[in-house]
Amino acid sequence: MLGLSEVANHIEQSTIRTMSVECEKVQGVNLAQGVCDTEVPAVVRLAAERAIEAGYNQYTRADGIASLREAIAKKLQRQNGIKADPDTEILVTSGVTGGFDSACRALLNPGDEVVLFEPYYGYHYATLVGQYCKPILVSLDPPDYPLVADRLAAAITPKTRGIVVNTPSNPSGKLFSVAELAQVAEVARHHDLFLFTDEIYEHFVYDGERHVSPASLPGIAERTITNSGFSKVFSITGWRVGFLHASARWLPAISYFHDLTYVCAPSAFQHGAAAGLEQLPDSFYAELIQEYQGKREMICAALRVAGLEPSVPAGAYYVLADASAVPGTDSVEKAMNLLRTTGVASVPGDAFFQRGRGDHLLRFCFAKTDTDLADACERLAGLHRTAVQRS
């Protein structure tokens, strides 16, 4: 008898994409999907255009073009404190999504357990389930989401194979401290686990804090699979160019599965990313932080006016806000009611939590143009005006 696979029988469309579709229907302002509407740096865009005109439109090597791998190795050394061999330890990937998926296929077996910190990014959870692995959730509590060592220790079983660390985090904006990462690293070493990271928001860190890559800590690089990329920092989410760093012991298998599914990241876009790494000055990253910190303050202020108290993020470009004041029995109903009332699309908190912990939360993305973000903030202020009129 024909039928769907065991996994496919239980899948649901990402609510992030669902809310984006609903937003289009009402021609609202999309603060749901993290598409990053800000400008692509000219040096990145022009390098990709020149690459297309020069004929770089075919498959690349499975691990990516040499100039980009070399630029990534220099970037890792300079910005992350990670020493990497561009020929044996770096893979250019089809975004962090492609890198994480390929690493899971290469290093995990059906039935393995992998720790995720909650709130989690839904694609991490779904990728593990798609690999017939079992996500084990370790809850972090608002507003600052500190790591509770006892909770992590209690989550480890003989079936545990890995831990996923997303820093800065989507959706909470949590930035793992050095002390917290050291705790995670010690658990990974003690139980002989892989450490999978998602560091795509590494350049979005506020209030003078700094991002720390887990693989830079002593004695942990051999078991760490570092994923990051250019979608957010260069505003090229549709280009699908990321990178993965891993020990030469693991990279060939990871590269095999990436090749099997994605073949390679888009050729001309790899040239654009390489130009960005090579030519953009440190001031670019400093200005980016300043710009996005301003956007963060803008959206958090608007949410407070609207009666949606935010948990101010330390990094990334999302805000989780308490939507208890919005009508609805769960976060999906609250998100739809907010969209109907204000024309602002958010993501239901249920997309990032299990067991109903996200029922009262909504996530808002502030990676928008100043014009669109101002429009969204004004619409959210209308929620407060409506509440006042009703009272």
Protein backbone atom coordinates (compact mmCIF):
# COMPACT_ATOMS: atom_id res chain seq x y z
CA MET A 1 0.00 0.00 0.00
CA LEU A 2 1.27 3.44 -0.93
CA GLY A 3 1.69 5.98 1.83
CA LEU A 4 3.86 8.64 3.40
CA SER A 5 6.92 7.81 5.45
CA GLU A 6 6.70 7.50 9.21
CA VAL A 7 8.23 10.97 9.62
CA ALA A 8 6.18 12.63 6.87
CA ASN A 9 2.96 11.47 8.49
CA HIS A 10 3.66 13.79 11.42
CA ILE A 11 5.12 16.90 9.78
CA GLU A 12 3.50 20.32 9.79
CA GLN A 13 4.36 23.38 7.74
CA SER A 14 6.56 25.84 9.65
CA THR A 15 4.36 28.47 11.28
CA ILE A 16 6.98 31.02 10.26
CA ARG A 17 6.11 30.44 6.61
CA THR A 18 2.40 30.17 7.42
CA MET A 19 2.38 33.62 9.01
CA SER A 20 4.28 35.06 6.06
CA VAL A 21 1.55 33.78 3.72
CA GLU A 22 -1.20 35.18 5.97
CA CYS A 23 0.61 38.52 6.07
CA GLU A 24 0.64 38.71 2.29
CA LYS A 25 -3.13 38.18 2.23
CA VAL A 26 -3.75 41.33 4.27
CA GLN A 27 -0.79 43.25 2.78
CA GLY A 28 0.60 43.73 6.27
CA VAL A 29 4.12 44.22 7.63
CA ASN A 30 5.97 40.92 7.96
CA LEU A 31 7.84 40.73 11.26
CA ALA A 32 7.51 36.95 11.16
CA GLN A 33 10.13 35.51 8.80
CA GLY A 34 13.76 36.54 9.29
CA VAL A 35 14.26 37.49 5.65
CA CYS A 36 16.54 40.46 6.45
CA ASP A 37 15.25 43.30 4.28
CA THR A 38 18.25 45.58 4.74
CA GLU A 39 20.68 46.48 1.92
CA VAL A 40 23.21 43.99 0.49
CA PRO A 41 26.74 45.47 0.72
CA ALA A 42 27.74 46.72 -2.72
CA VAL A 43 31.04 44.83 -2.73
CA VAL A 44 29.17 41.54 -2.20
CA ARG A 45 26.50 42.21 -4.82
CA LEU A 46 28.91 43.49 -7.49
CA ALA A 47 31.31 40.56 -7.03
CA ALA A 48 28.44 38.12 -7.60
CA GLU A 49 27.35 40.04 -10.70
CA ARG A 50 30.89 40.00 -12.09
CA ALA A 51 31.16 36.28 -11.41
CA ILE A 52 27.99 35.63 -13.40
CA GLU A 53 29.27 37.70 -16.31
CA ALA A 54 32.64 35.94 -16.13
CA GLY A 55 30.95 32.56 -16.53
CA TYR A 56 31.12 31.20 -12.96
CA ASN A 57 27.72 29.58 -13.33
CA GLN A 58 28.51 25.88 -13.09
CA TYR A 59 29.14 23.41 -10.28
CA THR A 60 32.03 24.14 -7.95
CA ARG A 61 34.11 21.66 -6.01
CA ALA A 62 31.99 19.85 -3.46
CA ASP A 63 33.63 21.78 -0.62
CA GLY A 64 33.38 25.18 -2.35
CA ILE A 65 35.67 27.54 -4.26
CA ALA A 66 39.21 27.92 -2.93
CA SER A 67 39.07 31.70 -2.46
CA LEU A 68 36.01 31.45 -0.22
CA ARG A 69 37.39 28.56 1.85
CA GLU A 70 40.63 30.51 2.36
CA ALA A 71 38.71 33.65 3.30
CA ILE A 72 36.61 31.66 5.78
CA ALA A 73 39.75 30.22 7.39
CA LYS A 74 41.16 33.73 7.86
CA LYS A 75 37.84 34.96 9.22
CA LEU A 76 37.64 32.09 11.71
CA GLN A 77 41.14 32.83 12.97
CA ARG A 78 40.62 36.60 13.18
CA GLN A 79 37.04 36.83 14.46
CA ASN A 80 36.40 33.51 16.21
CA GLY A 81 39.76 32.32 17.51
CA ILE A 82 39.49 29.07 15.53
CA LYS A 83 42.41 27.70 13.53
CA ALA A 84 41.16 25.95 10.40
CA ASP A 85 42.77 24.29 7.38
CA PRO A 86 40.88 25.57 4.30
CA ASP A 87 41.61 22.36 2.37
CA THR A 88 40.58 19.75 4.94
CA GLU A 89 38.40 21.39 7.60
CA ILE A 90 36.05 23.81 5.83
CA LEU A 91 32.94 23.09 3.77
CA VAL A 92 30.97 25.79 1.95
CA THR A 93 27.34 24.87 2.53
CA SER A 94 23.87 25.66 1.28
CA GLY A 95 23.25 27.85 4.28
CA VAL A 96 23.45 26.77 7.91
CA THR A 97 20.39 24.62 7.24
CA GLY A 98 22.32 22.59 4.67
CA GLY A 99 25.37 22.31 6.89
CA PHE A 100 23.46 21.18 9.95
CA ASP A 101 21.40 18.68 7.97
CA SER A 102 24.51 17.19 6.36
CA ALA A 103 26.37 16.96 9.67
CA CYS A 104 23.44 15.18 11.29
CA ARG A 105 23.27 12.67 8.46
CA ALA A 106 26.98 11.99 8.69
CA LEU A 107 27.34 11.75 12.47
CA LEU A 108 24.03 10.61 13.97
CA ASN A 109 22.15 7.31 13.88
CA PRO A 110 18.41 6.63 14.13
CA GLY A 111 17.40 6.57 17.77
CA ASP A 112 20.20 8.87 18.94
CA GLU A 113 19.22 11.58 21.39
CA VAL A 114 20.40 15.16 20.87
CA VAL A 115 20.00 17.97 23.40
CA LEU A 116 18.27 21.18 22.27
CA PHE A 117 17.91 24.25 24.45
CA GLU A 118 14.34 25.54 24.66
CA PRO A 119 13.20 27.89 23.20
CA TYR A 120 14.67 26.24 20.13
CA TYR A 121 14.79 27.00 16.41
CA GLY A 122 12.18 24.83 14.73
CA TYR A 123 14.42 23.76 11.86
CA HIS A 124 16.89 22.24 14.33
CA TYR A 125 14.10 20.24 15.96
CA ALA A 126 12.59 19.16 12.64
CA THR A 127 15.95 18.19 11.13
CA LEU A 128 16.68 15.87 14.04
CA VAL A 129 13.23 14.29 13.80
CA GLY A 130 13.74 13.90 10.05
CA GLN A 131 16.91 11.95 10.79
CA TYR A 132 14.92 9.65 13.12
CA CYS A 133 16.74 11.14 16.11
CA LYS A 134 15.08 12.28 19.33
CA PRO A 135 15.42 15.91 20.44
CA ILE A 136 15.77 16.21 24.22
CA LEU A 137 14.74 19.64 25.47
CA VAL A 138 16.54 21.56 28.20
CA SER A 139 14.42 24.55 29.18
CA LEU A 140 15.88 28.04 29.59
CA ASP A 141 13.79 30.62 31.44
CA PRO A 142 12.98 34.22 30.47
CA PRO A 143 13.88 36.98 30.45
CA ASP A 144 17.63 36.21 30.22
CA TYR A 145 17.42 32.44 29.58
CA PRO A 146 20.39 31.38 31.75
CA LEU A 147 21.78 27.87 31.47
CA VAL A 148 20.83 25.68 34.44
CA ALA A 149 23.59 23.10 34.75
CA ASP A 150 21.45 20.58 36.64
CA ARG A 151 18.87 20.54 33.84
CA LEU A 152 21.54 19.83 31.26
CA ALA A 153 23.08 17.07 33.36
CA ALA A 154 19.66 15.45 33.88
CA ALA A 155 19.04 15.38 30.11
CA ILE A 156 22.05 13.17 29.33
CA THR A 157 21.36 9.44 28.91
CA PRO A 158 23.30 6.53 27.39
CA LYS A 159 21.54 7.34 24.10
CA THR A 160 22.74 10.95 23.98
CA ARG A 161 24.96 11.61 20.97
CA GLY A 162 25.17 15.39 20.75
CA ILE A 163 24.24 18.88 21.96
CA VAL A 164 23.08 21.78 19.76
CA VAL A 165 24.11 25.32 20.76
CA ASN A 166 22.55 28.24 18.88
CA THR A 167 24.34 31.43 19.94
CA PRO A 168 23.15 34.13 19.59
CA SER A 169 19.85 32.31 19.63
CA ASN A 170 16.78 32.35 17.45
CA PRO A 171 14.17 33.08 18.83
CA SER A 172 15.24 34.41 22.25
CA GLY A 173 18.38 36.34 21.33
CA LYS A 174 20.24 34.56 24.12
CA LEU A 175 24.00 34.94 23.99
CA PHE A 176 25.77 32.04 25.71
CA SER A 177 28.50 33.30 28.04
CA VAL A 178 32.01 31.84 28.19
CA ALA A 179 31.14 30.24 31.53
CA GLU A 180 28.00 28.63 30.11
CA LEU A 181 29.82 27.37 27.03
CA ALA A 182 32.53 25.92 29.26
CA GLN A 183 29.83 24.00 31.15
CA VAL A 184 28.39 22.66 27.91
CA ALA A 185 31.86 21.75 26.65
CA GLU A 186 32.64 19.86 29.84
CA VAL A 187 29.45 17.81 29.50
CA ALA A 188 30.33 17.07 25.87
CA ARG A 189 33.82 15.93 26.82
CA HIS A 190 32.71 13.90 29.81
CA HIS A 191 30.04 12.00 27.87
CA ASP A 192 31.93 11.91 24.55
CA LEU A 193 29.33 13.90 22.62
CA PHE A 194 29.33 15.95 19.43
CA LEU A 195 28.69 19.68 19.80
CA PHE A 196 26.74 21.17 16.88
CA THR A 197 26.66 24.96 16.73
CA ASP A 198 24.55 27.46 14.80
CA GLU A 199 26.32 30.82 14.87
CA ILE A 200 24.59 32.54 11.95
CA TYR A 201 23.83 35.60 14.13
CA GLU A 202 27.39 35.93 15.42
CA HIS A 203 27.70 39.53 14.21
CA PHE A 204 24.46 40.68 15.85
CA VAL A 205 25.54 41.19 19.47
CA TYR A 206 24.55 44.21 21.54
CA ASP A 207 25.40 46.31 24.59
CA GLY A 208 29.14 45.79 24.25
CA GLU A 209 28.91 42.00 24.60
CA ARG A 210 30.88 39.65 22.35
CA HIS A 211 30.13 36.41 20.61
CA VAL A 212 32.22 33.39 21.61
CA SER A 213 32.49 30.34 19.34
CA PRO A 214 32.40 27.09 21.32
CA ALA A 215 35.16 25.60 19.13
CA SER A 216 37.54 28.30 20.40
CA LEU A 217 37.45 26.84 23.91
CA PRO A 218 40.33 24.56 24.92
CA GLY A 219 40.03 20.90 24.01
CA ILE A 220 36.62 21.08 22.32
CA ALA A 221 37.34 21.78 18.61
CA GLU A 222 37.78 18.10 17.69
CA ARG A 223 34.17 17.27 18.60
CA THR A 224 32.59 20.57 17.52
CA ILE A 225 30.78 21.11 14.22
CA THR A 226 30.68 24.87 13.71
CA ASN A 227 27.97 26.23 11.40
CA SER A 228 27.68 29.85 10.31
CA GLY A 229 27.25 31.83 7.11
CA PHE A 230 26.47 35.03 5.29
CA SER A 231 22.67 35.11 4.97
CA LYS A 232 22.17 37.54 7.83
CA VAL A 233 25.36 39.58 7.99
CA PHE A 234 25.31 40.37 4.23
CA SER A 235 21.48 40.37 3.93
CA ILE A 236 21.54 37.55 1.35
CA THR A 237 19.15 35.01 2.86
CA GLY A 238 18.06 33.86 -0.60
CA TRP A 239 21.59 33.17 -1.83
CA ARG A 240 22.03 30.10 0.41
CA VAL A 241 25.75 30.38 1.15
CA GLY A 242 27.05 29.27 4.52
CA PHE A 243 30.01 27.37 5.89
CA LEU A 244 30.88 24.54 8.24
CA HIS A 245 34.07 23.92 10.14
CA ALA A 246 34.90 20.48 11.50
CA SER A 247 37.83 18.20 12.13
CA ALA A 248 39.32 16.58 9.04
CA ARG A 249 38.19 13.35 10.68
CA TRP A 250 34.53 14.25 10.13
CA LEU A 251 34.52 16.59 7.14
CA PRO A 252 34.68 14.03 4.28
CA ALA A 253 31.49 12.29 5.43
CA ILE A 254 29.70 15.60 6.03
CA SER A 255 30.80 16.83 2.60
CA TYR A 256 29.53 13.61 1.00
CA PHE A 257 26.01 14.11 2.33
CA HIS A 258 26.03 17.81 1.46
CA ASP A 259 27.02 16.93 -2.11
CA LEU A 260 24.34 14.24 -2.23
CA THR A 261 21.56 16.66 -1.31
CA TYR A 262 22.71 20.11 -2.43
CA VAL A 263 25.66 19.38 -4.81
CA CYS A 264 27.16 22.78 -3.95
CA ALA A 265 26.25 26.28 -2.87
CA PRO A 266 25.52 28.62 -5.84
CA SER A 267 28.79 29.31 -7.65
CA ALA A 268 28.55 33.03 -8.39
CA PHE A 269 27.19 33.74 -4.92
CA GLN A 270 30.23 32.06 -3.40
CA HIS A 271 32.36 34.66 -5.18
CA GLY A 272 30.18 37.42 -3.71
CA ALA A 273 30.58 36.06 -0.18
CA ALA A 274 34.35 35.76 -0.63
CA ALA A 275 34.56 39.40 -1.70
CA GLY A 276 32.61 40.44 1.38
CA LEU A 277 34.96 38.58 3.71
CA GLU A 278 38.06 39.87 1.97
CA GLN A 279 37.13 43.51 1.41
CA LEU A 280 34.67 44.71 4.05
CA PRO A 281 36.50 46.50 6.91
CA ASP A 282 35.95 45.90 10.62
CA SER A 283 33.96 49.12 10.69
CA PHE A 284 31.26 47.39 8.63
CA TYR A 285 30.55 44.98 11.47
CA ALA A 286 30.67 47.73 14.11
CA GLU A 287 28.19 49.84 12.13
CA LEU A 288 25.95 46.81 11.69
CA ILE A 289 25.75 46.34 15.45
CA GLN A 290 24.97 50.01 15.97
CA GLU A 291 22.25 49.93 13.30
CA TYR A 292 20.56 46.83 14.65
CA GLN A 293 20.80 47.87 18.26
CA GLY A 294 18.81 50.94 17.24
CA LYS A 295 16.23 48.73 15.55
CA ARG A 296 16.06 46.58 18.68
CA GLU A 297 15.33 49.61 20.86
CA MET A 298 12.69 50.78 18.41
CA ILE A 299 10.73 47.51 18.33
CA CYS A 300 11.03 46.92 22.09
CA ALA A 301 9.70 50.40 22.83
CA ALA A 302 6.76 49.84 20.47
CA LEU A 303 5.96 46.48 22.03
CA ARG A 304 5.90 48.03 25.50
CA VAL A 305 3.50 50.73 24.29
CA ALA A 306 1.31 48.01 22.81
CA GLY A 307 1.22 46.16 26.14
CA LEU A 308 3.39 43.30 24.84
CA GLU A 309 6.30 43.20 27.29
CA PRO A 310 9.48 42.11 25.46
CA SER A 311 12.40 40.04 26.66
CA VAL A 312 15.18 42.31 25.38
CA PRO A 313 17.55 40.16 23.30
CA ALA A 314 21.31 40.21 23.83
CA GLY A 315 21.88 39.16 20.22
CA ALA A 316 20.32 38.09 16.89
CA TYR A 317 17.40 40.17 15.57
CA TYR A 318 14.28 38.73 17.14
CA VAL A 319 12.24 39.62 20.20
CA LEU A 320 10.02 37.27 22.20
CA ALA A 321 7.19 39.26 23.75
CA ASP A 322 4.46 38.44 26.26
CA ALA A 323 1.19 38.53 24.32
CA SER A 324 -1.09 37.69 27.25
CA ALA A 325 -3.07 40.85 26.50
CA VAL A 326 -3.91 39.70 22.96
CA PRO A 327 -7.10 37.63 22.67
CA GLY A 328 -6.65 33.93 21.96
CA THR A 329 -6.41 30.62 23.75
CA ASP A 330 -2.94 29.87 22.37
CA SER A 331 -0.14 31.64 20.53
CA VAL A 332 -1.47 30.74 17.07
CA GLU A 333 -4.79 32.44 17.78
CA LYS A 334 -2.97 35.39 19.35
CA ALA A 335 -0.74 35.81 16.28
CA MET A 336 -3.74 35.71 13.93
CA ASN A 337 -5.70 38.15 16.08
CA LEU A 338 -2.74 40.54 16.19
CA LEU A 339 -2.39 40.31 12.42
CA ARG A 340 -6.09 41.03 11.89
CA THR A 341 -6.07 43.93 14.33
CA THR A 342 -2.81 45.66 13.39
CA GLY A 343 -1.60 44.14 10.11
CA VAL A 344 1.66 43.08 11.81
CA ALA A 345 2.71 39.46 11.35
CA SER A 346 4.56 37.66 14.16
CA VAL A 347 5.40 34.03 14.86
CA PRO A 348 3.45 32.06 17.47
CA GLY A 349 5.56 31.06 20.46
CA ASP A 350 4.43 27.47 20.01
CA ALA A 351 6.90 27.25 17.11
CA PHE A 352 9.76 27.32 19.63
CA PHE A 353 8.43 25.46 22.67
CA GLN A 354 6.86 22.16 23.62
CA ARG A 355 4.24 21.44 26.30
CA GLY A 356 2.43 24.75 25.86
CA ARG A 357 5.25 26.87 27.29
CA GLY A 358 4.98 29.29 24.39
CA ASP A 359 1.20 29.79 24.44
CA HIS A 360 1.48 33.40 25.64
CA LEU A 361 4.46 34.43 23.50
CA LEU A 362 4.97 35.91 20.05
CA ARG A 363 8.24 36.44 18.17
CA PHE A 364 8.94 39.62 16.22
CA CYS A 365 11.79 40.08 13.70
CA PHE A 366 13.34 43.55 13.50
CA ALA A 367 15.64 42.95 10.49
CA LYS A 368 13.58 45.37 8.43
CA THR A 369 14.14 48.62 6.61
CA ASP A 370 13.68 51.68 8.81
CA THR A 371 10.52 52.57 6.89
CA ASP A 372 8.90 49.16 7.32
CA LEU A 373 9.93 48.89 10.95
CA ALA A 374 8.51 52.35 11.70
CA ASP A 375 5.28 51.32 9.98
CA ALA A 376 5.08 48.16 12.09
CA CYS A 377 5.75 50.09 15.29
CA GLU A 378 3.02 52.59 14.48
CA ARG A 379 0.59 49.74 13.77
CA LEU A 380 1.47 48.09 17.08
CA ALA A 381 0.81 51.39 18.88
CA GLY A 382 -2.67 51.16 17.42
CA LEU A 383 -3.23 48.05 19.52
CA HIS A 384 -2.84 50.19 22.64
CA ARG A 385 -5.17 52.88 21.27
CA THR A 386 -7.80 50.25 20.49
CA ALA A 387 -7.54 48.84 24.02
CA VAL A 388 -7.91 52.31 25.53
CA GLN A 389 -10.99 53.06 23.40
CA ARG A 390 -12.61 49.77 24.43
CA SER A 391 -12.01 50.51 28.10
